[in-house]
All heavy atoms as atom14 arrays in JSON, in Angstrom:
{
  "sequence": "CKDYFSNCALRTIHKQATDSSVKQVYCAEHNVALPGGGSGNY",
  "atom14_mask": [
    [1, 1, 1, 1, 1, 1, 0, 0, 0, 0, 0, 0, 0, 0],
    [1, 1, 1, 1, 1, 1, 1, 1, 1, 0, 0, 0, 0, 0],
    [1, 1, 1, 1, 1, 1, 1, 1, 0, 0, 0, 0, 0, 0],
    [1, 1, 1, 1, 1, 1, 1, 1, 1, 1, 1, 1, 0, 0],
    [1, 1, 1, 1, 1, 1, 1, 1, 1, 1, 1, 0, 0, 0],
    [1, 1, 1, 1, 1, 1, 0, 0, 0, 0, 0, 0, 0, 0],
    [1, 1, 1, 1, 1, 1, 1, 1, 0, 0, 0, 0, 0, 0],
    [1, 1, 1, 1, 1, 1, 0, 0, 0, 0, 0, 0, 0, 0],
    [1, 1, 1, 1, 1, 0, 0, 0, 0, 0, 0, 0, 0, 0],
    [1, 1, 1, 1, 1, 1, 1, 1, 0, 0, 0, 0, 0, 0],
    [1, 1, 1, 1, 1, 1, 1, 1, 1, 1, 1, 0, 0, 0],
    [1, 1, 1, 1, 1, 1, 1, 0, 0, 0, 0, 0, 0, 0],
    [1, 1, 1, 1, 1, 1, 1, 1, 0, 0, 0, 0, 0, 0],
    [1, 1, 1, 1, 1, 1, 1, 1, 1, 1, 0, 0, 0, 0],
    [1, 1, 1, 1, 1, 1, 1, 1, 1, 0, 0, 0, 0, 0],
    [1, 1, 1, 1, 1, 1, 1, 1, 1, 0, 0, 0, 0, 0],
    [1, 1, 1, 1, 1, 0, 0, 0, 0, 0, 0, 0, 0, 0],
    [1, 1, 1, 1, 1, 1, 1, 0, 0, 0, 0, 0, 0, 0],
    [1, 1, 1, 1, 1, 1, 1, 1, 0, 0, 0, 0, 0, 0],
    [1, 1, 1, 1, 1, 1, 0, 0, 0, 0, 0, 0, 0, 0],
    [1, 1, 1, 1, 1, 1, 0, 0, 0, 0, 0, 0, 0, 0],
    [1, 1, 1, 1, 1, 1, 1, 0, 0, 0, 0, 0, 0, 0],
    [1, 1, 1, 1, 1, 1, 1, 1, 1, 0, 0, 0, 0, 0],
    [1, 1, 1, 1, 1, 1, 1, 1, 1, 0, 0, 0, 0, 0],
    [1, 1, 1, 1, 1, 1, 1, 0, 0, 0, 0, 0, 0, 0],
    [1, 1, 1, 1, 1, 1, 1, 1, 1, 1, 1, 1, 0, 0],
    [1, 1, 1, 1, 1, 1, 0, 0, 0, 0, 0, 0, 0, 0],
    [1, 1, 1, 1, 1, 0, 0, 0, 0, 0, 0, 0, 0, 0],
    [1, 1, 1, 1, 1, 1, 1, 1, 1, 0, 0, 0, 0, 0],
    [1, 1, 1, 1, 1, 1, 1, 1, 1, 1, 0, 0, 0, 0],
    [1, 1, 1, 1, 1, 1, 1, 1, 0, 0, 0, 0, 0, 0],
    [1, 1, 1, 1, 1, 1, 1, 0, 0, 0, 0, 0, 0, 0],
    [1, 1, 1, 1, 1, 0, 0, 0, 0, 0, 0, 0, 0, 0],
    [1, 1, 1, 1, 1, 1, 1, 1, 0, 0, 0, 0, 0, 0],
    [1, 1, 1, 1, 1, 1, 1, 0, 0, 0, 0, 0, 0, 0],
    [1, 1, 1, 1, 0, 0, 0, 0, 0, 0, 0, 0, 0, 0],
    [1, 1, 1, 1, 0, 0, 0, 0, 0, 0, 0, 0, 0, 0],
    [1, 1, 1, 1, 0, 0, 0, 0, 0, 0, 0, 0, 0, 0],
    [1, 1, 1, 1, 1, 1, 0, 0, 0, 0, 0, 0, 0, 0],
    [1, 1, 1, 1, 0, 0, 0, 0, 0, 0, 0, 0, 0, 0],
    [1, 1, 1, 1, 1, 1, 1, 1, 0, 0, 0, 0, 0, 0],
    [1, 1, 1, 1, 1, 1, 1, 1, 1, 1, 1, 1, 0, 0]
  ],
  "atom14_positions": [
    [[-78.96, -56.96, -15.19], [-77.82, -57.66, -14.59], [-77.63, -59.06, -15.16], [-76.51, -59.54, -15.31], [-78.03, -57.72, -13.08], [-76.74, -58.59, -12.18], [0.0, 0.0, 0.0], [0.0, 0.0, 0.0], [0.0, 0.0, 0.0], [0.0, 0.0, 0.0], [0.0, 0.0, 0.0], [0.0, 0.0, 0.0], [0.0, 0.0, 0.0], [0.0, 0.0, 0.0]],
    [[-78.74, -59.75, -15.53], [-78.66, -61.13, -16.02], [-77.87, -61.25, -17.31], [-77.38, -62.33, -17.66], [-80.07, -61.7, -16.23], [-80.89, -60.97, -17.27], [-82.28, -61.58, -17.38], [-83.14, -60.81, -18.37], [-82.59, -60.84, -19.75], [0.0, 0.0, 0.0], [0.0, 0.0, 0.0], [0.0, 0.0, 0.0], [0.0, 0.0, 0.0], [0.0, 0.0, 0.0]],
    [[-77.73, -60.13, -18.03], [-76.94, -60.16, -19.27], [-75.44, -60.24, -18.99], [-74.66, -60.51, -19.9], [-77.22, -58.91, -20.11], [-78.66, -58.88, -20.62], [-79.26, -59.97, -20.71], [-79.17, -57.79, -20.91], [0.0, 0.0, 0.0], [0.0, 0.0, 0.0], [0.0, 0.0, 0.0], [0.0, 0.0, 0.0], [0.0, 0.0, 0.0], [0.0, 0.0, 0.0]],
    [[-75.05, -59.99, -17.73], [-73.62, -59.93, -17.4], [-73.25, -60.88, -16.26], [-72.09, -61.27, -16.15], [-73.24, -58.49, -17.02], [-73.61, -57.52, -18.11], [-74.81, -56.81, -18.05], [-72.78, -57.34, -19.21], [-75.17, -55.93, -19.06], [-73.14, -56.45, -20.22], [-74.33, -55.75, -20.14], [-74.69, -54.9, -21.15], [0.0, 0.0, 0.0], [0.0, 0.0, 0.0]],
    [[-74.24, -61.23, -15.43], [-74.03, -62.18, -14.33], [-75.23, -63.12, -14.33], [-76.38, -62.66, -14.22], [-73.92, -61.47, -12.98], [-72.75, -60.52, -12.87], [-72.9, -59.17, -13.14], [-71.49, -61.01, -12.53], [-71.83, -58.3, -13.05], [-70.42, -60.14, -12.43], [-70.59, -58.77, -12.7], [0.0, 0.0, 0.0], [0.0, 0.0, 0.0], [0.0, 0.0, 0.0]],
    [[-74.99, -64.41, -14.44], [-76.09, -65.38, -14.55], [-77.0, -65.33, -13.32], [-76.54, -65.14, -12.2], [-75.51, -66.79, -14.72], [-74.71, -67.15, -13.62], [0.0, 0.0, 0.0], [0.0, 0.0, 0.0], [0.0, 0.0, 0.0], [0.0, 0.0, 0.0], [0.0, 0.0, 0.0], [0.0, 0.0, 0.0], [0.0, 0.0, 0.0], [0.0, 0.0, 0.0]],
    [[-78.3, -65.46, -13.58], [-79.31, -65.53, -12.52], [-79.33, -64.28, -11.62], [-79.66, -64.36, -10.44], [-79.11, -66.77, -11.64], [-79.18, -68.05, -12.43], [-80.07, -68.22, -13.27], [-78.24, -68.96, -12.18], [0.0, 0.0, 0.0], [0.0, 0.0, 0.0], [0.0, 0.0, 0.0], [0.0, 0.0, 0.0], [0.0, 0.0, 0.0], [0.0, 0.0, 0.0]],
    [[-79.02, -63.12, -12.18], [-79.07, -61.86, -11.41], [-80.34, -61.12, -11.79], [-80.54, -60.76, -12.96], [-77.84, -61.01, -11.71], [-77.81, -59.46, -10.78], [0.0, 0.0, 0.0], [0.0, 0.0, 0.0], [0.0, 0.0, 0.0], [0.0, 0.0, 0.0], [0.0, 0.0, 0.0], [0.0, 0.0, 0.0], [0.0, 0.0, 0.0], [0.0, 0.0, 0.0]],
    [[-81.21, -60.9, -10.82], [-82.52, -60.3, -11.09], [-82.5, -58.78, -11.03], [-83.52, -58.12, -11.26], [-83.54, -60.83, -10.08], [0.0, 0.0, 0.0], [0.0, 0.0, 0.0], [0.0, 0.0, 0.0], [0.0, 0.0, 0.0], [0.0, 0.0, 0.0], [0.0, 0.0, 0.0], [0.0, 0.0, 0.0], [0.0, 0.0, 0.0], [0.0, 0.0, 0.0]],
    [[-81.38, -58.19, -10.72], [-81.32, -56.73, -10.58], [-81.41, -56.02, -11.92], [-81.07, -56.56, -12.97], [-80.01, -56.32, -9.89], [-79.85, -56.71, -8.42], [-78.5, -56.21, -7.91], [-80.97, -56.12, -7.58], [0.0, 0.0, 0.0], [0.0, 0.0, 0.0], [0.0, 0.0, 0.0], [0.0, 0.0, 0.0], [0.0, 0.0, 0.0], [0.0, 0.0, 0.0]],
    [[-81.86, -54.78, -11.83], [-81.89, -53.89, -12.99], [-81.46, -52.51, -12.51], [-81.89, -52.04, -11.47], [-83.31, -53.83, -13.56], [-83.54, -52.73, -14.6], [-84.97, -52.77, -15.1], [-85.33, -51.59, -15.87], [-85.91, -50.52, -15.34], [-86.18, -50.49, -14.03], [-86.22, -49.48, -16.09], [0.0, 0.0, 0.0], [0.0, 0.0, 0.0], [0.0, 0.0, 0.0]],
    [[-80.6, -51.9, -13.24], [-80.19, -50.54, -12.91], [-80.17, -49.72, -14.19], [-80.54, -50.23, -15.26], [-78.82, -50.5, -12.2], [-78.58, -49.18, -11.72], [-77.69, -50.93, -13.11], [0.0, 0.0, 0.0], [0.0, 0.0, 0.0], [0.0, 0.0, 0.0], [0.0, 0.0, 0.0], [0.0, 0.0, 0.0], [0.0, 0.0, 0.0], [0.0, 0.0, 0.0]],
    [[-79.79, -48.48, -14.08], [-79.81, -47.59, -15.24], [-78.46, -46.91, -15.38], [-77.86, -46.46, -14.39], [-80.92, -46.52, -15.09], [-82.29, -47.21, -15.1], [-80.83, -45.46, -16.18], [-83.45, -46.28, -14.83], [0.0, 0.0, 0.0], [0.0, 0.0, 0.0], [0.0, 0.0, 0.0], [0.0, 0.0, 0.0], [0.0, 0.0, 0.0], [0.0, 0.0, 0.0]],
    [[-77.98, -46.85, -16.6], [-76.77, -46.08, -16.89], [-77.14, -44.6, -16.9], [-78.02, -44.18, -17.64], [-76.22, -46.5, -18.26], [-75.05, -45.67, -18.7], [-74.92, -45.23, -19.99], [-73.97, -45.21, -18.02], [-73.8, -44.53, -20.09], [-73.2, -44.51, -18.91], [0.0, 0.0, 0.0], [0.0, 0.0, 0.0], [0.0, 0.0, 0.0], [0.0, 0.0, 0.0]],
    [[-76.44, -43.83, -16.06], [-76.78, -42.41, -15.89], [-75.58, -41.53, -16.19], [-74.47, -41.81, -15.75], [-77.25, -42.14, -14.44], [-78.48, -42.96, -14.06], [-78.73, -42.98, -12.57], [-77.7, -43.83, -11.83], [-77.71, -45.26, -12.23], [0.0, 0.0, 0.0], [0.0, 0.0, 0.0], [0.0, 0.0, 0.0], [0.0, 0.0, 0.0], [0.0, 0.0, 0.0]],
    [[-75.82, -40.48, -16.93], [-74.8, -39.49, -17.21], [-75.34, -38.12, -16.86], [-76.5, -37.81, -17.1], [-74.38, -39.51, -18.69], [-73.6, -40.75, -19.1], [-73.23, -40.69, -20.56], [-74.09, -40.47, -21.42], [-71.96, -40.9, -20.87], [0.0, 0.0, 0.0], [0.0, 0.0, 0.0], [0.0, 0.0, 0.0], [0.0, 0.0, 0.0], [0.0, 0.0, 0.0]],
    [[-74.47, -37.26, -16.29], [-74.89, -35.9, -15.97], [-74.79, -35.04, -17.22], [-74.01, -35.31, -18.13], [-74.0, -35.34, -14.87], [0.0, 0.0, 0.0], [0.0, 0.0, 0.0], [0.0, 0.0, 0.0], [0.0, 0.0, 0.0], [0.0, 0.0, 0.0], [0.0, 0.0, 0.0], [0.0, 0.0, 0.0], [0.0, 0.0, 0.0], [0.0, 0.0, 0.0]],
    [[-75.62, -34.02, -17.26], [-75.53, -33.09, -18.39], [-74.24, -32.28, -18.32], [-73.76, -31.77, -19.33], [-76.74, -32.13, -18.39], [-76.8, -31.45, -17.13], [-78.03, -32.89, -18.6], [0.0, 0.0, 0.0], [0.0, 0.0, 0.0], [0.0, 0.0, 0.0], [0.0, 0.0, 0.0], [0.0, 0.0, 0.0], [0.0, 0.0, 0.0], [0.0, 0.0, 0.0]],
    [[-73.67, -32.15, -17.12], [-72.37, -31.51, -16.94], [-71.29, -32.52, -17.31], [-71.11, -33.53, -16.63], [-72.22, -31.06, -15.48], [-70.88, -30.41, -15.2], [-70.03, -30.35, -16.13], [-70.66, -29.95, -14.07], [0.0, 0.0, 0.0], [0.0, 0.0, 0.0], [0.0, 0.0, 0.0], [0.0, 0.0, 0.0], [0.0, 0.0, 0.0], [0.0, 0.0, 0.0]],
    [[-70.57, -32.25, -18.38], [-69.6, -33.23, -18.89], [-68.46, -33.49, -17.91], [-67.82, -34.53, -17.96], [-69.02, -32.74, -20.22], [-68.38, -31.49, -20.05], [0.0, 0.0, 0.0], [0.0, 0.0, 0.0], [0.0, 0.0, 0.0], [0.0, 0.0, 0.0], [0.0, 0.0, 0.0], [0.0, 0.0, 0.0], [0.0, 0.0, 0.0], [0.0, 0.0, 0.0]],
    [[-68.19, -32.54, -17.0], [-67.09, -32.72, -16.05], [-67.41, -33.78, -15.0], [-66.52, -34.36, -14.39], [-66.75, -31.39, -15.36], [-67.82, -30.97, -14.54], [0.0, 0.0, 0.0], [0.0, 0.0, 0.0], [0.0, 0.0, 0.0], [0.0, 0.0, 0.0], [0.0, 0.0, 0.0], [0.0, 0.0, 0.0], [0.0, 0.0, 0.0], [0.0, 0.0, 0.0]],
    [[-68.71, -34.03, -14.76], [-69.12, -35.01, -13.76], [-69.03, -36.43, -14.32], [-68.72, -37.38, -13.6], [-70.55, -34.72, -13.25], [-71.02, -35.81, -12.31], [-70.59, -33.36, -12.58], [0.0, 0.0, 0.0], [0.0, 0.0, 0.0], [0.0, 0.0, 0.0], [0.0, 0.0, 0.0], [0.0, 0.0, 0.0], [0.0, 0.0, 0.0], [0.0, 0.0, 0.0]],
    [[-69.26, -36.58, -15.6], [-69.22, -37.88, -16.29], [-70.27, -38.84, -15.72], [-71.44, -38.52, -15.65], [-67.81, -38.46, -16.23], [-66.77, -37.56, -16.91], [-65.38, -38.14, -16.85], [-64.4, -37.21, -17.53], [-63.0, -37.69, -17.45], [0.0, 0.0, 0.0], [0.0, 0.0, 0.0], [0.0, 0.0, 0.0], [0.0, 0.0, 0.0], [0.0, 0.0, 0.0]],
    [[-69.82, -40.03, -15.27], [-70.78, -41.05, -14.87], [-71.35, -40.79, -13.47], [-70.67, -40.26, -12.6], [-70.12, -42.43, -14.88], [-69.36, -42.75, -16.16], [-70.26, -42.9, -17.36], [-71.46, -43.08, -17.22], [-69.7, -42.84, -18.56], [0.0, 0.0, 0.0], [0.0, 0.0, 0.0], [0.0, 0.0, 0.0], [0.0, 0.0, 0.0], [0.0, 0.0, 0.0]],
    [[-72.61, -41.19, -13.28], [-73.31, -41.04, -12.0], [-73.82, -42.41, -11.58], [-74.29, -43.18, -12.43], [-74.5, -40.06, -12.14], [-75.17, -39.86, -10.79], [-74.02, -38.73, -12.71], [0.0, 0.0, 0.0], [0.0, 0.0, 0.0], [0.0, 0.0, 0.0], [0.0, 0.0, 0.0], [0.0, 0.0, 0.0], [0.0, 0.0, 0.0], [0.0, 0.0, 0.0]],
    [[-73.72, -42.71, -10.27], [-74.07, -44.06, -9.79], [-75.09, -43.99, -8.67], [-75.15, -43.02, -7.9], [-72.8, -44.77, -9.29], [-71.81, -44.99, -10.4], [-70.88, -44.0, -10.72], [-71.83, -46.16, -11.15], [-69.98, -44.19, -11.75], [-70.92, -46.35, -12.18], [-70.0, -45.36, -12.49], [-69.13, -45.54, -13.52], [0.0, 0.0, 0.0], [0.0, 0.0, 0.0]],
    [[-75.91, -45.06, -8.57], [-76.9, -45.15, -7.51], [-76.22, -45.42, -6.17], [-75.28, -46.2, -6.08], [-77.89, -46.28, -7.79], [-78.97, -45.96, -9.2], [0.0, 0.0, 0.0], [0.0, 0.0, 0.0], [0.0, 0.0, 0.0], [0.0, 0.0, 0.0], [0.0, 0.0, 0.0], [0.0, 0.0, 0.0], [0.0, 0.0, 0.0], [0.0, 0.0, 0.0]],
    [[-76.74, -44.79, -5.11], [-76.22, -45.03, -3.76], [-77.01, -46.14, -3.07], [-76.46, -46.93, -2.31], [-76.27, -43.75, -2.93], [0.0, 0.0, 0.0], [0.0, 0.0, 0.0], [0.0, 0.0, 0.0], [0.0, 0.0, 0.0], [0.0, 0.0, 0.0], [0.0, 0.0, 0.0], [0.0, 0.0, 0.0], [0.0, 0.0, 0.0], [0.0, 0.0, 0.0]],
    [[-78.32, -46.21, -3.31], [-79.19, -47.22, -2.68], [-80.07, -47.83, -3.77], [-80.89, -47.14, -4.35], [-80.04, -46.6, -1.58], [-79.23, -45.93, -0.47], [-80.13, -45.19, 0.51], [-81.25, -45.66, 0.73], [-79.71, -44.13, 1.01], [0.0, 0.0, 0.0], [0.0, 0.0, 0.0], [0.0, 0.0, 0.0], [0.0, 0.0, 0.0], [0.0, 0.0, 0.0]],
    [[-79.94, -49.11, -3.98], [-80.64, -49.74, -5.1], [-82.16, -49.69, -4.96], [-82.88, -49.47, -5.93], [-80.19, -51.2, -5.25], [-80.99, -51.94, -6.27], [-82.03, -52.78, -5.93], [-80.93, -51.94, -7.63], [-82.56, -53.27, -7.01], [-81.91, -52.79, -8.07], [0.0, 0.0, 0.0], [0.0, 0.0, 0.0], [0.0, 0.0, 0.0], [0.0, 0.0, 0.0]],
    [[-82.66, -49.9, -3.75], [-84.1, -50.07, -3.56], [-84.87, -48.75, -3.43], [-85.82, -48.65, -2.66], [-84.36, -50.95, -2.34], [-83.89, -52.37, -2.56], [-84.08, -52.93, -3.64], [-83.25, -52.94, -1.56], [0.0, 0.0, 0.0], [0.0, 0.0, 0.0], [0.0, 0.0, 0.0], [0.0, 0.0, 0.0], [0.0, 0.0, 0.0], [0.0, 0.0, 0.0]],
    [[-84.44, -47.73, -4.15], [-85.17, -46.46, -4.19], [-85.39, -46.13, -5.66], [-84.51, -46.33, -6.49], [-84.38, -45.33, -3.49], [-85.15, -44.02, -3.55], [-84.07, -45.7, -2.05], [0.0, 0.0, 0.0], [0.0, 0.0, 0.0], [0.0, 0.0, 0.0], [0.0, 0.0, 0.0], [0.0, 0.0, 0.0], [0.0, 0.0, 0.0], [0.0, 0.0, 0.0]],
    [[-86.58, -45.6, -5.97], [-86.95, -45.39, -7.37], [-86.16, -44.26, -8.03], [-85.71, -43.32, -7.38], [-88.44, -45.08, -7.45], [0.0, 0.0, 0.0], [0.0, 0.0, 0.0], [0.0, 0.0, 0.0], [0.0, 0.0, 0.0], [0.0, 0.0, 0.0], [0.0, 0.0, 0.0], [0.0, 0.0, 0.0], [0.0, 0.0, 0.0], [0.0, 0.0, 0.0]],
    [[-86.01, -44.37, -9.35], [-85.45, -43.32, -10.19], [-86.55, -42.82, -11.13], [-87.51, -43.53, -11.4], [-84.3, -43.88, -11.03], [-82.93, -43.98, -10.36], [-82.02, -44.87, -11.19], [-82.32, -42.6, -10.2], [0.0, 0.0, 0.0], [0.0, 0.0, 0.0], [0.0, 0.0, 0.0], [0.0, 0.0, 0.0], [0.0, 0.0, 0.0], [0.0, 0.0, 0.0]],
    [[-86.41, -41.59, -11.62], [-87.4, -41.12, -12.6], [-87.36, -41.99, -13.85], [-86.3, -42.51, -14.22], [-86.96, -39.68, -12.9], [-85.54, -39.61, -12.45], [-85.4, -40.57, -11.32], [0.0, 0.0, 0.0], [0.0, 0.0, 0.0], [0.0, 0.0, 0.0], [0.0, 0.0, 0.0], [0.0, 0.0, 0.0], [0.0, 0.0, 0.0], [0.0, 0.0, 0.0]],
    [[-88.5, -42.19, -14.47], [-88.57, -43.03, -15.65], [-87.94, -42.37, -16.86], [-87.67, -41.17, -16.88], [0.0, 0.0, 0.0], [0.0, 0.0, 0.0], [0.0, 0.0, 0.0], [0.0, 0.0, 0.0], [0.0, 0.0, 0.0], [0.0, 0.0, 0.0], [0.0, 0.0, 0.0], [0.0, 0.0, 0.0], [0.0, 0.0, 0.0], [0.0, 0.0, 0.0]],
    [[-87.69, -43.19, -17.89], [-87.08, -42.67, -19.1], [-88.0, -41.7, -19.81], [-89.22, -41.79, -19.75], [0.0, 0.0, 0.0], [0.0, 0.0, 0.0], [0.0, 0.0, 0.0], [0.0, 0.0, 0.0], [0.0, 0.0, 0.0], [0.0, 0.0, 0.0], [0.0, 0.0, 0.0], [0.0, 0.0, 0.0], [0.0, 0.0, 0.0], [0.0, 0.0, 0.0]],
    [[-87.44, -40.75, -20.49], [-88.23, -39.75, -21.2], [-87.34, -38.59, -21.57], [-86.16, -38.74, -21.78], [0.0, 0.0, 0.0], [0.0, 0.0, 0.0], [0.0, 0.0, 0.0], [0.0, 0.0, 0.0], [0.0, 0.0, 0.0], [0.0, 0.0, 0.0], [0.0, 0.0, 0.0], [0.0, 0.0, 0.0], [0.0, 0.0, 0.0], [0.0, 0.0, 0.0]],
    [[-87.93, -37.41, -21.59], [-87.15, -36.24, -21.98], [-87.01, -35.24, -20.83], [-86.61, -34.11, -21.04], [-87.81, -35.54, -23.17], [-89.15, -35.17, -22.83], [0.0, 0.0, 0.0], [0.0, 0.0, 0.0], [0.0, 0.0, 0.0], [0.0, 0.0, 0.0], [0.0, 0.0, 0.0], [0.0, 0.0, 0.0], [0.0, 0.0, 0.0], [0.0, 0.0, 0.0]],
    [[-87.35, -35.67, -19.62], [-87.29, -34.74, -18.49], [-85.89, -34.6, -17.93], [-85.09, -35.54, -17.95], [0.0, 0.0, 0.0], [0.0, 0.0, 0.0], [0.0, 0.0, 0.0], [0.0, 0.0, 0.0], [0.0, 0.0, 0.0], [0.0, 0.0, 0.0], [0.0, 0.0, 0.0], [0.0, 0.0, 0.0], [0.0, 0.0, 0.0], [0.0, 0.0, 0.0]],
    [[-85.59, -33.41, -17.42], [-84.33, -33.16, -16.73], [-84.6, -33.13, -15.23], [-85.52, -32.44, -14.77], [-83.72, -31.83, -17.16], [-83.12, -31.91, -18.56], [-82.85, -32.99, -19.06], [-82.92, -30.75, -19.18], [0.0, 0.0, 0.0], [0.0, 0.0, 0.0], [0.0, 0.0, 0.0], [0.0, 0.0, 0.0], [0.0, 0.0, 0.0], [0.0, 0.0, 0.0]],
    [[-83.8, -33.86, -14.47], [-83.96, -33.92, -13.02], [-82.65, -33.5, -12.36], [-81.56, -33.88, -12.8], [-84.36, -35.34, -12.59], [-85.72, -35.75, -13.12], [-85.85, -36.28, -14.4], [-86.86, -35.59, -12.34], [-87.09, -36.64, -14.9], [-88.11, -35.96, -12.83], [-88.22, -36.48, -14.11], [-89.45, -36.84, -14.6], [0.0, 0.0, 0.0], [0.0, 0.0, 0.0]]
  ]
}
């Protein structure tokens, strides 16, 4: 977040679904973990 808004400590992840019709996917609650980067499908 700090790269786009000064002094913002947040971090999020750009997520895309494998289904192209869904396109972008967004977090509903920030303070819950996401799977880490890698090659896994969730």
